[in-house]
Amino acid sequence: MFSPFLYQNGEVRLVIQIPCFNEAETLPTTLGDLPRAVNGFDDVLWVVIDDGSSDRTAEIAEAHGADMVVQLANNKGLAVAFQAGLDASLQLGADVIVNTDADNQYAASDIPRLVEPIRNGDADLVVGTRDIANHEEFSLLKKWLQRVGSWVVRQASATHVSDVTSGFRAYSKEAALQVNVVSQFTYTLESLIQAGRSNLKVADVPIGVNPTTRPSRLFHSKRQYVRRSAGTISRVYAMHKPLRFFNIPAALFAAVGLILFGRFGWYYLSAGGEGHIQSLIVGAVCLLVSVQMLMLGLLADLLRTNRVITERVLRRVRNIELSLGTYSNTEEEPDSDV
C-alpha cells in the first residue's frame, strides 16, 4: 500500500532520471534496460539530464525514448545535474524518483526492489547497495576505502547504509522536495547526510551491477576522491551538527591549555617562581583558541537554525508551486524537450 502523500489525481507516477555527460556510447544500452512498467505505478517516465555534453547525448536520448531531455548550457558537475533532474521529475508529477548512472553500472532489473520500501511506506530514501566485499572489479585498496568512507558517513548521517557512494537511489516525493545539494562534486554523500539529519526514513537494499564500461569521470585519482569526499563530509556535518563539530576540538584545546597551566603552576610553586614561562604562553594560546572554537560553534548553530527554517519554507513553496503547476528550478530554468 502506498503512503498517502504518493497519490496525485488517483495515479502514481515513477520517474527514472539519468544525469549524463558525454554518454552517447553507453546511453542506448542504459535506456534499453530501463523498464516501462513497474508494479504499483500507473506509468513510468524517463528523464535524461545532459550536463553540457559535447557529443550527441541529447539526440541519442531522444532517439531512444527519453520522455524529457534537460539540457544544461555547460558542464556544471554531477551534483548540479542530479538536482536539475529532481526538479524536472517533480515538474512531471513524480511520486517516486529513481536515479541511476548513464554508464549502465547498476542493474535496471532491480528498480522494482529499489522502490518497494517507498511503496510500502517504510522509507523516504532507498539506496541500492553493491556487494563491495565481493566486487571483482574493485581493488583491495578501493574496497578498504569504501568501507572506511561508508563508516564515516554512517556516523555523520546517523543511517545504516552500507554503500554510501552508490548513485542507484529511489526518492519519495517528500524526500525529493527536501533535497538541497550545494556541492558541485557529488550528490551521494551530501544528500544522504541531509536525509539522515532531516529525520527522513532511509533504507538500503542489495542490488546487482553490470560489467564496467568505462573508468569513472568523477575523479582522476583515489587521493583526489578521498580529499574531496572528506571535505564534503566535514562541511555537511558542520552544517547539521555545528556544536558537536566545533565543541570537540574546543574541548581538546581547553584540556591542553589547562594541563600546560597546571604544569606552569606546579613548577612555579616548587621552583620558587622561576622558569617554564613557555607553558604559560602556549597554554594561554590554547585556551584562546578553545574560546574562539566555542564561539564559532554557537554562531554556526544559530546559522543552522536559520537554515532549517529556510529549508522548511522552501519545501512548502515547492509543494505549493507543484500543486499550482508553476514549479521550476529557482536557480536556472533548464532547456527541455518533451
Foldseek 3Di string as FASTA:
>chain_A
DADPVQDDPNFAEEEEEEEDAQLLPQQLVQLVQADQDAPPGPGYAYEYEYQAHPDCVVVSCVVNHHPKYFYDNHHQADVVSVLQRLLVCLLVVHQKYWYDYSNQFFRNVCVNVQCVCNRVVNFQKEFADEPLVPPPPDDPVRSVVQQVLQVLLCVLQVDDDSGQPGRGMMGGNLLSLLDDDPDRQHRRSLSSSSCSLVPGGYYYDYGDTDDGPDDDPSDDDPVVVVVVSVVSSLVSSCLRQVQVSLLVLLVVLLVQLVVLVVVQVVCCVVVVHDDSVVSNVSSVVSNVVSVVSNVRSVVSVVVSVVVVVVSVVSSVVQVVCSVVSNRADPVDGTDMDD
